[in-house]
Amino acid sequence: MQANLEFQTERLLLRALNRIDVIALRDAISQSSDTVGPWLDWCHEGFDDLDAEAWINRSRQGWLTGSSFELAAFEIETGTLVGCIYISSIDSVANMANLGYWIATASQGRGYAHEASEIAATLAFSHLLLTRLELVMDPANQASIRIAEKLGATYECKARNRYMYDGSPKEGLVYSLIPEDILRSH
């Protein structure tokens, strides 16, 4: 799939990150350490331009190799980077992947994660032809739980050592989406 694809909702433009996004990405992440950092260990105040450049390079490489597909979400009205939505850990044998998202602190509570995640799930099911997406989150991450539920994802289990945070295994809640879930919500 090509990294120049763009998707648009009423409020958001979703596209791959580009080198011109370094400052916007740096600012969104470094200013979100209080609300995103507890759940995603890469989100910290010291996130700098070099970190943003490396992030964008990895994101672009994922598109080129087909190993992951990250969409940056920009507010159409202001052009502000509000967060990123990604399809990662693609397993071609099981025909599934993970669906993840983060929203910058200044843009939280506006429904952007749900809006962008619907686009990413549609991309996963209609373009990549995946048959399952997993959403994995910390049991205390109430915002992510609400987003998964609003997407129509099914809660499956609390899994031991399901993801890594700061080098240590963490328990995670596992939700799943299948194509019918997205079709049913439209």
C-alpha atoms as a PDB file:
ATOM      1  CA  MET A   1       0.000   0.000   0.000  1.00  0.00           C
ATOM      2  CA  GLN A   2       1.264   3.476  -0.784  1.00  0.00           C
ATOM      3  CA  ALA A   3       2.190   5.959   1.926  1.00  0.00           C
ATOM      4  CA  ASN A   4       0.567   8.809   0.009  1.00  0.00           C
ATOM      5  CA  LEU A   5      -2.992   7.666   0.769  1.00  0.00           C
ATOM      6  CA  GLU A   6      -5.172  10.204   2.529  1.00  0.00           C
ATOM      7  CA  PHE A   7      -8.463   9.746   4.284  1.00  0.00           C
ATOM      8  CA  GLN A   8     -10.825  12.423   5.435  1.00  0.00           C
ATOM      9  CA  THR A   9     -13.665  12.582   7.912  1.00  0.00           C
ATOM     10  CA  GLU A  10     -15.797  15.612   8.642  1.00  0.00           C
ATOM     11  CA  ARG A  11     -13.174  16.916  11.082  1.00  0.00           C
ATOM     12  CA  LEU A  12      -9.946  15.039  10.375  1.00  0.00           C
ATOM     13  CA  LEU A  13      -7.398  14.484   7.634  1.00  0.00           C
ATOM     14  CA  LEU A  14      -5.526  11.209   8.081  1.00  0.00           C
ATOM     15  CA  ARG A  15      -2.271  10.566   6.259  1.00  0.00           C
ATOM     16  CA  ALA A  16       1.189   9.094   6.701  1.00  0.00           C
ATOM     17  CA  LEU A  17       3.687  11.178   8.626  1.00  0.00           C
ATOM     18  CA  ASN A  18       6.199  13.165   6.573  1.00  0.00           C
ATOM     19  CA  ARG A  19       9.445  14.918   7.397  1.00  0.00           C
ATOM     20  CA  ILE A  20       7.560  18.226   7.551  1.00  0.00           C
ATOM     21  CA  ASP A  21       5.748  16.876  10.638  1.00  0.00           C
ATOM     22  CA  VAL A  22       8.810  16.717  12.929  1.00  0.00           C
ATOM     23  CA  ILE A  23       7.953  19.781  15.039  1.00  0.00           C
ATOM     24  CA  ALA A  24       4.233  18.990  15.235  1.00  0.00           C
ATOM     25  CA  LEU A  25       4.970  15.403  16.301  1.00  0.00           C
ATOM     26  CA  ARG A  26       7.590  16.502  18.828  1.00  0.00           C
ATOM     27  CA  ASP A  27       5.234  19.045  20.371  1.00  0.00           C
ATOM     28  CA  ALA A  28       2.212  16.729  20.471  1.00  0.00           C
ATOM     29  CA  ILE A  29       4.161  13.953  22.181  1.00  0.00           C
ATOM     30  CA  SER A  30       6.302  16.011  24.558  1.00  0.00           C
ATOM     31  CA  GLN A  31       3.254  17.975  25.745  1.00  0.00           C
ATOM     32  CA  SER A  32       1.235  14.807  26.378  1.00  0.00           C
ATOM     33  CA  SER A  33       3.462  13.019  28.869  1.00  0.00           C
ATOM     34  CA  ASP A  34       0.952  13.410  31.715  1.00  0.00           C
ATOM     35  CA  THR A  35      -1.993  11.805  29.895  1.00  0.00           C
ATOM     36  CA  VAL A  36      -0.374   9.507  27.317  1.00  0.00           C
ATOM     37  CA  GLY A  37       2.900   8.674  29.109  1.00  0.00           C
ATOM     38  CA  PRO A  38       1.321   6.469  31.788  1.00  0.00           C
ATOM     39  CA  TRP A  39       0.151   4.095  29.038  1.00  0.00           C
ATOM     40  CA  LEU A  40       2.852   4.442  26.357  1.00  0.00           C
ATOM     41  CA  ASP A  41       6.438   4.606  27.598  1.00  0.00           C
ATOM     42  CA  TRP A  42       7.803   6.481  24.576  1.00  0.00           C
ATOM     43  CA  CYS A  43       5.690   9.506  25.493  1.00  0.00           C
ATOM     44  CA  HIS A  44       7.801  11.739  27.742  1.00  0.00           C
ATOM     45  CA  GLU A  45       8.659  15.416  28.167  1.00  0.00           C
ATOM     46  CA  GLY A  46      12.147  14.942  26.731  1.00  0.00           C
ATOM     47  CA  PHE A  47      10.839  13.718  23.354  1.00  0.00           C
ATOM     48  CA  ASP A  48      12.866  15.859  20.930  1.00  0.00           C
ATOM     49  CA  ASP A  49      13.398  16.541  17.230  1.00  0.00           C
ATOM     50  CA  LEU A  50      15.728  13.557  16.818  1.00  0.00           C
ATOM     51  CA  ASP A  51      13.127  11.277  18.417  1.00  0.00           C
ATOM     52  CA  ALA A  52      10.465  12.699  16.086  1.00  0.00           C
ATOM     53  CA  GLU A  53      12.688  12.214  13.025  1.00  0.00           C
ATOM     54  CA  ALA A  54      13.409   8.605  14.018  1.00  0.00           C
ATOM     55  CA  TRP A  55       9.682   8.019  14.635  1.00  0.00           C
ATOM     56  CA  ILE A  56       8.769   9.368  11.204  1.00  0.00           C
ATOM     57  CA  ASN A  57      11.484   7.275   9.535  1.00  0.00           C
ATOM     58  CA  ARG A  58      10.181   4.093  11.253  1.00  0.00           C
ATOM     59  CA  SER A  59       6.637   5.001  10.299  1.00  0.00           C
ATOM     60  CA  ARG A  60       7.592   5.545   6.643  1.00  0.00           C
ATOM     61  CA  GLN A  61       9.592   2.300   6.652  1.00  0.00           C
ATOM     62  CA  GLY A  62       6.533   0.447   7.978  1.00  0.00           C
ATOM     63  CA  TRP A  63       4.503   1.711   5.024  1.00  0.00           C
ATOM     64  CA  LEU A  64       7.242   0.714   2.559  1.00  0.00           C
ATOM     65  CA  THR A  65       7.637  -2.814   3.935  1.00  0.00           C
ATOM     66  CA  GLY A  66       3.966  -3.367   4.745  1.00  0.00           C
ATOM     67  CA  SER A  67       4.823  -4.191   8.350  1.00  0.00           C
ATOM     68  CA  SER A  68       2.744  -1.373   9.864  1.00  0.00           C
ATOM     69  CA  PHE A  69       0.536   1.479   8.761  1.00  0.00           C
ATOM     70  CA  GLU A  70       0.429   4.621  10.840  1.00  0.00           C
ATOM     71  CA  LEU A  71      -1.925   7.479  10.089  1.00  0.00           C
ATOM     72  CA  ALA A  72      -1.358  10.895  11.603  1.00  0.00           C
ATOM     73  CA  ALA A  73      -4.632  12.664  12.347  1.00  0.00           C
ATOM     74  CA  PHE A  74      -4.800  16.391  11.655  1.00  0.00           C
ATOM     75  CA  GLU A  75      -7.677  18.687  12.494  1.00  0.00           C
ATOM     76  CA  ILE A  76      -8.944  19.980   9.136  1.00  0.00           C
ATOM     77  CA  GLU A  77      -9.948  23.363  10.527  1.00  0.00           C
ATOM     78  CA  THR A  78      -6.600  24.192  12.166  1.00  0.00           C
ATOM     79  CA  GLY A  79      -4.085  21.747  10.659  1.00  0.00           C
ATOM     80  CA  THR A  80      -3.129  20.673  14.193  1.00  0.00           C
ATOM     81  CA  LEU A  81      -1.688  17.171  14.665  1.00  0.00           C
ATOM     82  CA  VAL A  82      -4.104  15.619  17.165  1.00  0.00           C
ATOM     83  CA  GLY A  83      -2.558  12.142  17.373  1.00  0.00           C
ATOM     84  CA  CYS A  84      -1.816   8.953  15.480  1.00  0.00           C
ATOM     85  CA  ILE A  85      -3.680   5.766  14.713  1.00  0.00           C
ATOM     86  CA  TYR A  86      -1.794   2.664  13.652  1.00  0.00           C
ATOM     87  CA  ILE A  87      -2.160  -0.874  12.426  1.00  0.00           C
ATOM     88  CA  SER A  88       0.856  -2.797  13.685  1.00  0.00           C
ATOM     89  CA  SER A  89       2.135  -6.270  14.573  1.00  0.00           C
ATOM     90  CA  ILE A  90       0.623  -7.587  11.374  1.00  0.00           C
ATOM     91  CA  ASP A  91       0.476 -11.391  11.458  1.00  0.00           C
ATOM     92  CA  SER A  92      -0.042 -12.708   7.924  1.00  0.00           C
ATOM     93  CA  VAL A  93      -0.512 -16.291   9.116  1.00  0.00           C
ATOM     94  CA  ALA A  94      -3.353 -15.386  11.491  1.00  0.00           C
ATOM     95  CA  ASN A  95      -4.466 -12.546   9.158  1.00  0.00           C
ATOM     96  CA  MET A  96      -4.678 -10.092  12.022  1.00  0.00           C
ATOM     97  CA  ALA A  97      -2.977  -7.029  13.508  1.00  0.00           C
ATOM     98  CA  ASN A  98      -3.105  -4.624  16.427  1.00  0.00           C
ATOM     99  CA  LEU A  99      -4.999  -1.356  16.270  1.00  0.00           C
ATOM    100  CA  GLY A 100      -3.521   1.376  18.428  1.00  0.00           C
ATOM    101  CA  TYR A 101      -4.045   5.072  18.946  1.00  0.00           C
ATOM    102  CA  TRP A 102      -2.890   8.033  20.966  1.00  0.00           C
ATOM    103  CA  ILE A 103      -4.321  11.508  21.106  1.00  0.00           C
ATOM    104  CA  ALA A 104      -2.395  14.575  22.242  1.00  0.00           C
ATOM    105  CA  THR A 105      -3.538  15.993  25.566  1.00  0.00           C
ATOM    106  CA  ALA A 106      -4.803  19.231  24.020  1.00  0.00           C
ATOM    107  CA  SER A 107      -7.101  17.268  21.674  1.00  0.00           C
ATOM    108  CA  GLN A 108      -8.446  14.627  24.041  1.00  0.00           C
ATOM    109  CA  GLY A 109     -12.133  14.313  24.837  1.00  0.00           C
ATOM    110  CA  ARG A 110     -13.338  15.364  21.371  1.00  0.00           C
ATOM    111  CA  GLY A 111     -13.965  11.924  19.852  1.00  0.00           C
ATOM    112  CA  TYR A 112     -10.923  12.051  17.560  1.00  0.00           C
ATOM    113  CA  ALA A 113      -9.576   8.622  18.565  1.00  0.00           C
ATOM    114  CA  HIS A 114     -12.893   6.969  17.753  1.00  0.00           C
ATOM    115  CA  GLU A 115     -13.271   8.861  14.474  1.00  0.00           C
ATOM    116  CA  ALA A 116      -9.746   8.042  13.294  1.00  0.00           C
ATOM    117  CA  SER A 117      -9.882   4.438  14.549  1.00  0.00           C
ATOM    118  CA  GLU A 118     -12.968   3.767  12.432  1.00  0.00           C
ATOM    119  CA  ILE A 119     -10.980   4.858   9.365  1.00  0.00           C
ATOM    120  CA  ALA A 120      -7.987   2.701  10.343  1.00  0.00           C
ATOM    121  CA  ALA A 121     -10.203  -0.342  10.979  1.00  0.00           C
ATOM    122  CA  THR A 122     -11.901   0.141   7.620  1.00  0.00           C
ATOM    123  CA  LEU A 123      -8.454   0.369   5.998  1.00  0.00           C
ATOM    124  CA  ALA A 124      -7.373  -2.835   7.755  1.00  0.00           C
ATOM    125  CA  PHE A 125     -10.455  -4.782   6.700  1.00  0.00           C
ATOM    126  CA  SER A 126     -11.138  -3.407   3.216  1.00  0.00           C
ATOM    127  CA  HIS A 127      -7.620  -2.656   1.891  1.00  0.00           C
ATOM    128  CA  LEU A 128      -5.403  -5.060   3.835  1.00  0.00           C
ATOM    129  CA  LEU A 129      -8.152  -7.708   3.959  1.00  0.00           C
ATOM    130  CA  LEU A 130      -7.377  -8.572   7.573  1.00  0.00           C
ATOM    131  CA  THR A 131      -9.992 -10.560   9.452  1.00  0.00           C
ATOM    132  CA  ARG A 132      -9.179  -9.486  13.011  1.00  0.00           C
ATOM    133  CA  LEU A 133      -7.822  -6.478  14.874  1.00  0.00           C
ATOM    134  CA  GLU A 134      -6.809  -6.532  18.519  1.00  0.00           C
ATOM    135  CA  LEU A 135      -6.874  -3.518  20.788  1.00  0.00           C
ATOM    136  CA  VAL A 136      -4.724  -4.054  23.876  1.00  0.00           C
ATOM    137  CA  MET A 137      -4.661  -1.653  26.801  1.00  0.00           C
ATOM    138  CA  ASP A 138      -3.755  -1.306  30.447  1.00  0.00           C
ATOM    139  CA  PRO A 139      -6.718  -2.228  32.676  1.00  0.00           C
ATOM    140  CA  ALA A 140      -6.581   1.247  34.258  1.00  0.00           C
ATOM    141  CA  ASN A 141      -6.705   3.109  30.921  1.00  0.00           C
ATOM    142  CA  GLN A 142     -10.377   4.074  31.029  1.00  0.00           C
ATOM    143  CA  ALA A 143     -10.171   6.382  27.997  1.00  0.00           C
ATOM    144  CA  SER A 144      -8.893   3.569  25.753  1.00  0.00           C
ATOM    145  CA  ILE A 145     -11.493   1.176  27.127  1.00  0.00           C
ATOM    146  CA  ARG A 146     -14.255   3.658  26.231  1.00  0.00           C
ATOM    147  CA  ILE A 147     -12.874   4.049  22.716  1.00  0.00           C
ATOM    148  CA  ALA A 148     -12.715   0.263  22.174  1.00  0.00           C
ATOM    149  CA  GLU A 149     -16.284  -0.108  23.391  1.00  0.00           C
ATOM    150  CA  LYS A 150     -17.529   2.802  21.267  1.00  0.00           C
ATOM    151  CA  LEU A 151     -15.917   1.156  18.225  1.00  0.00           C
ATOM    152  CA  GLY A 152     -17.983  -1.945  18.956  1.00  0.00           C
ATOM    153  CA  ALA A 153     -14.965  -4.057  19.913  1.00  0.00           C
ATOM    154  CA  THR A 154     -15.615  -7.188  21.940  1.00  0.00           C
ATOM    155  CA  TYR A 155     -13.858  -7.604  25.283  1.00  0.00           C
ATOM    156  CA  GLU A 156     -12.152 -10.985  25.265  1.00  0.00           C
ATOM    157  CA  CYS A 157      -9.862 -11.285  28.263  1.00  0.00           C
ATOM    158  CA  LYS A 158      -7.350  -9.885  30.689  1.00  0.00           C
ATOM    159  CA  ALA A 159      -4.067 -11.334  29.416  1.00  0.00           C
ATOM    160  CA  ARG A 160      -0.974 -11.765  31.556  1.00  0.00           C
ATOM    161  CA  ASN A 161       2.295 -10.305  30.206  1.00  0.00           C
ATOM    162  CA  ARG A 162       0.432  -9.065  27.108  1.00  0.00           C
ATOM    163  CA  TYR A 163       2.534  -5.991  26.341  1.00  0.00           C
ATOM    164  CA  MET A 164       5.769  -4.343  27.400  1.00  0.00           C
ATOM    165  CA  TYR A 165       6.074  -1.028  29.208  1.00  0.00           C
ATOM    166  CA  ASP A 166       9.476   0.384  30.089  1.00  0.00           C
ATOM    167  CA  GLY A 167      11.087  -3.033  29.606  1.00  0.00           C
ATOM    168  CA  SER A 168       8.663  -4.928  31.836  1.00  0.00           C
ATOM    169  CA  PRO A 169       5.739  -7.172  30.871  1.00  0.00           C
ATOM    170  CA  LYS A 170       2.320  -5.796  31.757  1.00  0.00           C
ATOM    171  CA  GLU A 171      -1.139  -7.246  32.032  1.00  0.00           C
ATOM    172  CA  GLY A 172      -3.425  -6.040  29.250  1.00  0.00           C
ATOM    173  CA  LEU A 173      -7.087  -6.060  28.379  1.00  0.00           C
ATOM    174  CA  VAL A 174      -7.691  -7.577  24.956  1.00  0.00           C
ATOM    175  CA  TYR A 175     -10.552  -6.359  22.789  1.00  0.00           C
ATOM    176  CA  SER A 176     -11.144  -7.466  19.211  1.00  0.00           C
ATOM    177  CA  LEU A 177     -12.759  -6.135  16.079  1.00  0.00           C
ATOM    178  CA  ILE A 178     -13.741  -8.195  13.057  1.00  0.00           C
ATOM    179  CA  PRO A 179     -15.037  -6.801   9.754  1.00  0.00           C
ATOM    180  CA  GLU A 180     -18.673  -7.339  10.705  1.00  0.00           C
ATOM    181  CA  ASP A 181     -18.249  -5.102  13.766  1.00  0.00           C
ATOM    182  CA  ILE A 182     -17.311  -2.108  11.608  1.00  0.00           C
ATOM    183  CA  LEU A 183     -20.005  -2.811   9.014  1.00  0.00           C
ATOM    184  CA  ARG A 184     -22.589  -3.105  11.799  1.00  0.00           C
ATOM    185  CA  SER A 185     -21.630   0.304  13.240  1.00  0.00           C
ATOM    186  CA  HIS A 186     -22.246   2.128   9.930  1.00  0.00           C
END
